[in-house]
Amino acid sequence: MGSRLYGLCPRERAVRMYPTAEPKPVIRRMAEELGVHHEALRNGIRQAEADAGERDDVLTTDHVSAAQVKDQDSGYWLSSG
């Protein structure tokens, strides 16, 4: 897979850059340099690490599944009332 950093939004680019940066940059400083909010960058890095199996957090696919269940449940309650 080639490097496709051009064309990504700044947060996505920063999330992809962070794991390969040496030494590890301070997230707040890296976010400031790239023009993104530091919490958006921090959350993106955490999510990428979870998706890669490096954290015990919820995977992106689990978030999508939970949202789909919530949508289905809300449709059930709205249609049965």
PDB file of N, CA and C in Angstrom:
ATOM      1  N   MET A   1       0.850  -1.181   0.000  1.00  0.00           N
ATOM      2  CA  MET A   1       0.000   0.000   0.000  1.00  0.00           C
ATOM      3  C   MET A   1       0.890   1.236   0.000  1.00  0.00           C
ATOM      4  N   GLY A   2       0.693   2.112  -0.920  1.00  0.00           N
ATOM      5  CA  GLY A   2       1.495   3.317  -1.033  1.00  0.00           C
ATOM      6  C   GLY A   2       1.023   4.399  -0.086  1.00  0.00           C
ATOM      7  N   SER A   3       1.820   5.412   0.035  1.00  0.00           N
ATOM      8  CA  SER A   3       1.462   6.536   0.889  1.00  0.00           C
ATOM      9  C   SER A   3       0.489   7.444   0.149  1.00  0.00           C
ATOM     10  N   ARG A   4      -0.702   7.599   0.700  1.00  0.00           N
ATOM     11  CA  ARG A   4      -1.738   8.406   0.062  1.00  0.00           C
ATOM     12  C   ARG A   4      -2.134   9.531   1.016  1.00  0.00           C
ATOM     13  N   LEU A   5      -1.175  10.277   1.494  1.00  0.00           N
ATOM     14  CA  LEU A   5      -1.463  11.318   2.463  1.00  0.00           C
ATOM     15  C   LEU A   5      -2.051  12.561   1.816  1.00  0.00           C
ATOM     16  N   TYR A   6      -1.675  12.831   0.575  1.00  0.00           N
ATOM     17  CA  TYR A   6      -2.212  14.003  -0.099  1.00  0.00           C
ATOM     18  C   TYR A   6      -3.679  13.754  -0.411  1.00  0.00           C
ATOM     19  N   GLY A   7      -4.536  14.693  -0.106  1.00  0.00           N
ATOM     20  CA  GLY A   7      -5.953  14.536  -0.369  1.00  0.00           C
ATOM     21  C   GLY A   7      -6.751  14.121   0.857  1.00  0.00           C
ATOM     22  N   LEU A   8      -6.099  13.731   1.932  1.00  0.00           N
ATOM     23  CA  LEU A   8      -6.805  13.396   3.165  1.00  0.00           C
ATOM     24  C   LEU A   8      -7.032  14.659   3.975  1.00  0.00           C
ATOM     25  N   CYS A   9      -8.048  14.643   4.823  1.00  0.00           N
ATOM     26  CA  CYS A   9      -8.249  15.790   5.700  1.00  0.00           C
ATOM     27  C   CYS A   9      -7.092  15.849   6.686  1.00  0.00           C
ATOM     28  N   PRO A  10      -6.820  17.002   7.262  1.00  0.00           N
ATOM     29  CA  PRO A  10      -5.665  17.140   8.154  1.00  0.00           C
ATOM     30  C   PRO A  10      -5.673  16.165   9.333  1.00  0.00           C
ATOM     31  N   ARG A  11      -6.847  15.880   9.906  1.00  0.00           N
ATOM     32  CA  ARG A  11      -6.893  14.963  11.045  1.00  0.00           C
ATOM     33  C   ARG A  11      -6.514  13.550  10.611  1.00  0.00           C
ATOM     34  N   GLU A  12      -7.043  13.096   9.478  1.00  0.00           N
ATOM     35  CA  GLU A  12      -6.702  11.761   8.980  1.00  0.00           C
ATOM     36  C   GLU A  12      -5.211  11.654   8.672  1.00  0.00           C
ATOM     37  N   ARG A  13      -4.671  12.703   8.087  1.00  0.00           N
ATOM     38  CA  ARG A  13      -3.242  12.721   7.762  1.00  0.00           C
ATOM     39  C   ARG A  13      -2.415  12.645   9.043  1.00  0.00           C
ATOM     40  N   ALA A  14      -2.814  13.403  10.064  1.00  0.00           N
ATOM     41  CA  ALA A  14      -2.084  13.409  11.331  1.00  0.00           C
ATOM     42  C   ALA A  14      -2.164  12.058  12.018  1.00  0.00           C
ATOM     43  N   VAL A  15      -3.334  11.423  11.981  1.00  0.00           N
ATOM     44  CA  VAL A  15      -3.501  10.107  12.604  1.00  0.00           C
ATOM     45  C   VAL A  15      -2.587   9.093  11.935  1.00  0.00           C
ATOM     46  N   ARG A  16      -2.449   9.171  10.612  1.00  0.00           N
ATOM     47  CA  ARG A  16      -1.563   8.245   9.897  1.00  0.00           C
ATOM     48  C   ARG A  16      -0.090   8.552  10.142  1.00  0.00           C
ATOM     49  N   MET A  17       0.232   9.810  10.348  1.00  0.00           N
ATOM     50  CA  MET A  17       1.626  10.207  10.553  1.00  0.00           C
ATOM     51  C   MET A  17       2.122   9.860  11.957  1.00  0.00           C
ATOM     52  N   TYR A  18       1.245   9.925  12.950  1.00  0.00           N
ATOM     53  CA  TYR A  18       1.656   9.807  14.350  1.00  0.00           C
ATOM     54  C   TYR A  18       2.423   8.515  14.672  1.00  0.00           C
ATOM     55  N   PRO A  19       1.946   7.333  14.253  1.00  0.00           N
ATOM     56  CA  PRO A  19       2.656   6.105  14.644  1.00  0.00           C
ATOM     57  C   PRO A  19       4.075   6.000  14.101  1.00  0.00           C
ATOM     58  N   THR A  20       4.349   6.654  12.984  1.00  0.00           N
ATOM     59  CA  THR A  20       5.673   6.534  12.377  1.00  0.00           C
ATOM     60  C   THR A  20       6.623   7.655  12.788  1.00  0.00           C
ATOM     61  N   ALA A  21       6.104   8.637  13.516  1.00  0.00           N
ATOM     62  CA  ALA A  21       6.937   9.774  13.922  1.00  0.00           C
ATOM     63  C   ALA A  21       7.917   9.350  15.015  1.00  0.00           C
ATOM     64  N   GLU A  22       9.154   9.731  14.857  1.00  0.00           N
ATOM     65  CA  GLU A  22      10.196   9.460  15.861  1.00  0.00           C
ATOM     66  C   GLU A  22      10.991  10.721  16.090  1.00  0.00           C
ATOM     67  N   PRO A  23      11.167  11.151  17.298  1.00  0.00           N
ATOM     68  CA  PRO A  23      10.495  10.666  18.508  1.00  0.00           C
ATOM     69  C   PRO A  23       9.018  11.034  18.467  1.00  0.00           C
ATOM     70  N   LYS A  24       8.220  10.364  19.309  1.00  0.00           N
ATOM     71  CA  LYS A  24       6.781  10.620  19.335  1.00  0.00           C
ATOM     72  C   LYS A  24       6.532  12.082  19.681  1.00  0.00           C
ATOM     73  N   PRO A  25       5.790  12.779  18.821  1.00  0.00           N
ATOM     74  CA  PRO A  25       5.512  14.191  19.088  1.00  0.00           C
ATOM     75  C   PRO A  25       4.450  14.335  20.178  1.00  0.00           C
ATOM     76  N   VAL A  26       4.440  15.480  20.804  1.00  0.00           N
ATOM     77  CA  VAL A  26       3.375  15.809  21.736  1.00  0.00           C
ATOM     78  C   VAL A  26       2.126  16.035  20.885  1.00  0.00           C
ATOM     79  N   ILE A  27       1.042  15.347  21.229  1.00  0.00           N
ATOM     80  CA  ILE A  27      -0.164  15.406  20.399  1.00  0.00           C
ATOM     81  C   ILE A  27      -0.658  16.839  20.252  1.00  0.00           C
ATOM     82  N   ARG A  28      -0.650  17.581  21.343  1.00  0.00           N
ATOM     83  CA  ARG A  28      -1.140  18.957  21.286  1.00  0.00           C
ATOM     84  C   ARG A  28      -0.321  19.788  20.298  1.00  0.00           C
ATOM     85  N   ARG A  29       0.996  19.629  20.315  1.00  0.00           N
ATOM     86  CA  ARG A  29       1.869  20.394  19.419  1.00  0.00           C
ATOM     87  C   ARG A  29       1.674  19.952  17.970  1.00  0.00           C
ATOM     88  N   MET A  30       1.590  18.640  17.743  1.00  0.00           N
ATOM     89  CA  MET A  30       1.391  18.135  16.382  1.00  0.00           C
ATOM     90  C   MET A  30       0.056  18.639  15.825  1.00  0.00           C
ATOM     91  N   ALA A  31      -0.976  18.617  16.653  1.00  0.00           N
ATOM     92  CA  ALA A  31      -2.294  19.094  16.219  1.00  0.00           C
ATOM     93  C   ALA A  31      -2.236  20.573  15.860  1.00  0.00           C
ATOM     94  N   GLU A  32      -1.558  21.336  16.682  1.00  0.00           N
ATOM     95  CA  GLU A  32      -1.431  22.774  16.429  1.00  0.00           C
ATOM     96  C   GLU A  32      -0.713  23.033  15.109  1.00  0.00           C
ATOM     97  N   GLU A  33       0.374  22.294  14.856  1.00  0.00           N
ATOM     98  CA  GLU A  33       1.143  22.472  13.624  1.00  0.00           C
ATOM     99  C   GLU A  33       0.331  22.096  12.386  1.00  0.00           C
ATOM    100  N   LEU A  34      -0.575  21.113  12.534  1.00  0.00           N
ATOM    101  CA  LEU A  34      -1.359  20.655  11.387  1.00  0.00           C
ATOM    102  C   LEU A  34      -2.721  21.330  11.288  1.00  0.00           C
ATOM    103  N   GLY A  35      -3.039  22.170  12.260  1.00  0.00           N
ATOM    104  CA  GLY A  35      -4.286  22.922  12.208  1.00  0.00           C
ATOM    105  C   GLY A  35      -5.526  22.125  12.551  1.00  0.00           C
ATOM    106  N   VAL A  36      -5.384  21.124  13.446  1.00  0.00           N
ATOM    107  CA  VAL A  36      -6.542  20.351  13.899  1.00  0.00           C
ATOM    108  C   VAL A  36      -6.647  20.485  15.414  1.00  0.00           C
ATOM    109  N   HIS A  37      -7.820  20.206  15.948  1.00  0.00           N
ATOM    110  CA  HIS A  37      -8.009  20.281  17.392  1.00  0.00           C
ATOM    111  C   HIS A  37      -7.310  19.092  18.047  1.00  0.00           C
ATOM    112  N   HIS A  38      -6.631  19.342  19.168  1.00  0.00           N
ATOM    113  CA  HIS A  38      -5.838  18.282  19.800  1.00  0.00           C
ATOM    114  C   HIS A  38      -6.692  17.105  20.267  1.00  0.00           C
ATOM    115  N   GLU A  39      -7.920  17.337  20.711  1.00  0.00           N
ATOM    116  CA  GLU A  39      -8.769  16.228  21.150  1.00  0.00           C
ATOM    117  C   GLU A  39      -9.246  15.399  19.956  1.00  0.00           C
ATOM    118  N   ALA A  40      -9.480  16.031  18.828  1.00  0.00           N
ATOM    119  CA  ALA A  40      -9.854  15.286  17.620  1.00  0.00           C
ATOM    120  C   ALA A  40      -8.706  14.378  17.195  1.00  0.00           C
ATOM    121  N   LEU A  41      -7.482  14.898  17.272  1.00  0.00           N
ATOM    122  CA  LEU A  41      -6.317  14.096  16.929  1.00  0.00           C
ATOM    123  C   LEU A  41      -6.126  12.965  17.932  1.00  0.00           C
ATOM    124  N   ARG A  42      -6.226  13.260  19.216  1.00  0.00           N
ATOM    125  CA  ARG A  42      -6.054  12.251  20.259  1.00  0.00           C
ATOM    126  C   ARG A  42      -7.095  11.125  20.084  1.00  0.00           C
ATOM    127  N   ASN A  43      -8.354  11.496  19.850  1.00  0.00           N
ATOM    128  CA  ASN A  43      -9.402  10.485  19.661  1.00  0.00           C
ATOM    129  C   ASN A  43      -9.167   9.668  18.391  1.00  0.00           C
ATOM    130  N   GLY A  44      -8.716  10.322  17.334  1.00  0.00           N
ATOM    131  CA  GLY A  44      -8.418   9.601  16.093  1.00  0.00           C
ATOM    132  C   GLY A  44      -7.287   8.605  16.273  1.00  0.00           C
ATOM    133  N   ILE A  45      -6.248   8.993  17.017  1.00  0.00           N
ATOM    134  CA  ILE A  45      -5.121   8.100  17.275  1.00  0.00           C
ATOM    135  C   ILE A  45      -5.583   6.916  18.109  1.00  0.00           C
ATOM    136  N   ARG A  46      -6.373   7.170  19.152  1.00  0.00           N
ATOM    137  CA  ARG A  46      -6.898   6.085  19.999  1.00  0.00           C
ATOM    138  C   ARG A  46      -7.739   5.117  19.182  1.00  0.00           C
ATOM    139  N   GLN A  47      -8.588   5.645  18.299  1.00  0.00           N
ATOM    140  CA  GLN A  47      -9.444   4.790  17.489  1.00  0.00           C
ATOM    141  C   GLN A  47      -8.621   3.960  16.520  1.00  0.00           C
ATOM    142  N   ALA A  48      -7.613   4.570  15.904  1.00  0.00           N
ATOM    143  CA  ALA A  48      -6.747   3.836  14.977  1.00  0.00           C
ATOM    144  C   ALA A  48      -5.998   2.723  15.711  1.00  0.00           C
ATOM    145  N   GLU A  49      -5.526   3.001  16.933  1.00  0.00           N
ATOM    146  CA  GLU A  49      -4.841   1.982  17.726  1.00  0.00           C
ATOM    147  C   GLU A  49      -5.794   0.855  18.103  1.00  0.00           C
ATOM    148  N   ALA A  50      -7.038   1.174  18.445  1.00  0.00           N
ATOM    149  CA  ALA A  50      -8.031   0.146  18.778  1.00  0.00           C
ATOM    150  C   ALA A  50      -8.331  -0.715  17.558  1.00  0.00           C
ATOM    151  N   ASP A  51      -8.488  -0.083  16.410  1.00  0.00           N
ATOM    152  CA  ASP A  51      -8.780  -0.818  15.177  1.00  0.00           C
ATOM    153  C   ASP A  51      -7.619  -1.740  14.791  1.00  0.00           C
ATOM    154  N   ALA A  52      -6.398  -1.346  15.150  1.00  0.00           N
ATOM    155  CA  ALA A  52      -5.214  -2.151  14.837  1.00  0.00           C
ATOM    156  C   ALA A  52      -4.959  -3.225  15.895  1.00  0.00           C
ATOM    157  N   GLY A  53      -5.790  -3.262  16.934  1.00  0.00           N
ATOM    158  CA  GLY A  53      -5.625  -4.257  17.994  1.00  0.00           C
ATOM    159  C   GLY A  53      -4.590  -3.878  19.032  1.00  0.00           C
ATOM    160  N   GLU A  54      -4.169  -2.632  19.051  1.00  0.00           N
ATOM    161  CA  GLU A  54      -3.161  -2.167  19.999  1.00  0.00           C
ATOM    162  C   GLU A  54      -3.772  -1.650  21.293  1.00  0.00           C
ATOM    163  N   ARG A  55      -5.095  -1.521  21.344  1.00  0.00           N
ATOM    164  CA  ARG A  55      -5.813  -1.033  22.536  1.00  0.00           C
ATOM    165  C   ARG A  55      -7.024  -1.921  22.763  1.00  0.00           C
ATOM    166  N   ASP A  56      -7.535  -1.882  23.978  1.00  0.00           N
ATOM    167  CA  ASP A  56      -8.745  -2.643  24.303  1.00  0.00           C
ATOM    168  C   ASP A  56      -9.979  -1.752  24.262  1.00  0.00           C
ATOM    169  N   ASP A  57      -9.990  -0.786  23.372  1.00  0.00           N
ATOM    170  CA  ASP A  57     -11.133   0.104  23.227  1.00  0.00           C
ATOM    171  C   ASP A  57     -12.112  -0.487  22.215  1.00  0.00           C
ATOM    172  N   VAL A  58     -13.213   0.201  22.000  1.00  0.00           N
ATOM    173  CA  VAL A  58     -14.232  -0.234  21.056  1.00  0.00           C
ATOM    174  C   VAL A  58     -13.753   0.016  19.628  1.00  0.00           C
ATOM    175  N   LEU A  59     -13.917  -0.987  18.771  1.00  0.00           N
ATOM    176  CA  LEU A  59     -13.516  -0.860  17.374  1.00  0.00           C
ATOM    177  C   LEU A  59     -14.501   0.000  16.598  1.00  0.00           C
ATOM    178  N   THR A  60     -14.046   0.580  15.511  1.00  0.00           N
ATOM    179  CA  THR A  60     -14.908   1.389  14.660  1.00  0.00           C
ATOM    180  C   THR A  60     -16.110   0.574  14.200  1.00  0.00           C
ATOM    181  N   THR A  61     -15.896  -0.686  13.834  1.00  0.00           N
ATOM    182  CA  THR A  61     -17.009  -1.515  13.369  1.00  0.00           C
ATOM    183  C   THR A  61     -18.025  -1.735  14.476  1.00  0.00           C
ATOM    184  N   ASP A  62     -17.594  -1.783  15.737  1.00  0.00           N
ATOM    185  CA  ASP A  62     -18.528  -1.921  16.856  1.00  0.00           C
ATOM    186  C   ASP A  62     -19.368  -0.665  17.009  1.00  0.00           C
ATOM    187  N   HIS A  63     -18.767   0.509  16.775  1.00  0.00           N
ATOM    188  CA  HIS A  63     -19.524   1.757  16.821  1.00  0.00           C
ATOM    189  C   HIS A  63     -20.604   1.760  15.744  1.00  0.00           C
ATOM    190  N   VAL A  64     -20.246   1.306  14.548  1.00  0.00           N
ATOM    191  CA  VAL A  64     -21.197   1.266  13.444  1.00  0.00           C
ATOM    192  C   VAL A  64     -22.323   0.295  13.773  1.00  0.00           C
ATOM    193  N   SER A  65     -21.991  -0.880  14.293  1.00  0.00           N
ATOM    194  CA  SER A  65     -23.013  -1.866  14.645  1.00  0.00           C
ATOM    195  C   SER A  65     -23.946  -1.338  15.716  1.00  0.00           C
ATOM    196  N   ALA A  66     -23.403  -0.669  16.733  1.00  0.00           N
ATOM    197  CA  ALA A  66     -24.229  -0.112  17.805  1.00  0.00           C
ATOM    198  C   ALA A  66     -25.161   0.970  17.262  1.00  0.00           C
ATOM    199  N   ALA A  67     -24.669   1.777  16.337  1.00  0.00           N
ATOM    200  CA  ALA A  67     -25.501   2.832  15.746  1.00  0.00           C
ATOM    201  C   ALA A  67     -26.624   2.224  14.914  1.00  0.00           C
ATOM    202  N   GLN A  68     -26.321   1.140  14.197  1.00  0.00           N
ATOM    203  CA  GLN A  68     -27.352   0.481  13.393  1.00  0.00           C
ATOM    204  C   GLN A  68     -28.425  -0.123  14.283  1.00  0.00           C
ATOM    205  N   VAL A  69     -28.030  -0.741  15.390  1.00  0.00           N
ATOM    206  CA  VAL A  69     -28.994  -1.316  16.328  1.00  0.00           C
ATOM    207  C   VAL A  69     -29.851  -0.219  16.928  1.00  0.00           C
ATOM    208  N   LYS A  70     -29.225   0.889  17.291  1.00  0.00           N
ATOM    209  CA  LYS A  70     -29.967   2.009  17.865  1.00  0.00           C
ATOM    210  C   LYS A  70     -30.996   2.534  16.862  1.00  0.00           C
ATOM    211  N   ASP A  71     -30.588   2.677  15.594  1.00  0.00           N
ATOM    212  CA  ASP A  71     -31.512   3.136  14.556  1.00  0.00           C
ATOM    213  C   ASP A  71     -32.666   2.160  14.377  1.00  0.00           C
ATOM    214  N   GLN A  72     -32.365   0.875  14.388  1.00  0.00           N
ATOM    215  CA  GLN A  72     -33.410  -0.130  14.240  1.00  0.00           C
ATOM    216  C   GLN A  72     -34.359  -0.104  15.426  1.00  0.00           C
ATOM    217  N   ASP A  73     -33.810   0.022  16.635  1.00  0.00           N
ATOM    218  CA  ASP A  73     -34.640   0.071  17.838  1.00  0.00           C
ATOM    219  C   ASP A  73     -35.537   1.300  17.833  1.00  0.00           C
ATOM    220  N   SER A  74     -35.004   2.460  17.447  1.00  0.00           N
ATOM    221  CA  SER A  74     -35.819   3.669  17.452  1.00  0.00           C
ATOM    222  C   SER A  74     -36.924   3.568  16.412  1.00  0.00           C
ATOM    223  N   GLY A  75     -36.650   2.926  15.288  1.00  0.00           N
ATOM    224  CA  GLY A  75     -37.688   2.707  14.281  1.00  0.00           C
ATOM    225  C   GLY A  75     -38.780   1.785  14.785  1.00  0.00           C
ATOM    226  N   TYR A  76     -38.400   0.795  15.573  1.00  0.00           N
ATOM    227  CA  TYR A  76     -39.387  -0.128  16.134  1.00  0.00           C
ATOM    228  C   TYR A  76     -40.334   0.604  17.067  1.00  0.00           C
ATOM    229  N   TRP A  77     -39.762   1.397  17.956  1.00  0.00           N
ATOM    230  CA  TRP A  77     -40.601   2.096  18.939  1.00  0.00           C
ATOM    231  C   TRP A  77     -41.467   3.162  18.286  1.00  0.00           C
ATOM    232  N   LEU A  78     -40.953   3.798  17.252  1.00  0.00           N
ATOM    233  CA  LEU A  78     -41.748   4.810  16.582  1.00  0.00           C
ATOM    234  C   LEU A  78     -42.906   4.197  15.794  1.00  0.00           C
ATOM    235  N   SER A  79     -42.693   3.025  15.185  1.00  0.00           N
ATOM    236  CA  SER A  79     -43.720   2.423  14.354  1.00  0.00           C
ATOM    237  C   SER A  79     -44.739   1.627  15.163  1.00  0.00           C
ATOM    238  N   SER A  80     -44.406   1.241  16.400  1.00  0.00           N
ATOM    239  CA  SER A  80     -45.321   0.395  17.168  1.00  0.00           C
ATOM    240  C   SER A  80     -46.186   1.210  18.116  1.00  0.00           C
ATOM    241  N   GLY A  81     -46.002   2.525  18.180  1.00  0.00           N
ATOM    242  CA  GLY A  81     -46.715   3.362  19.145  1.00  0.00           C
ATOM    243  C   GLY A  81     -47.969   3.829  18.604  1.00  0.00           C
TER     244      GLY A  81
END
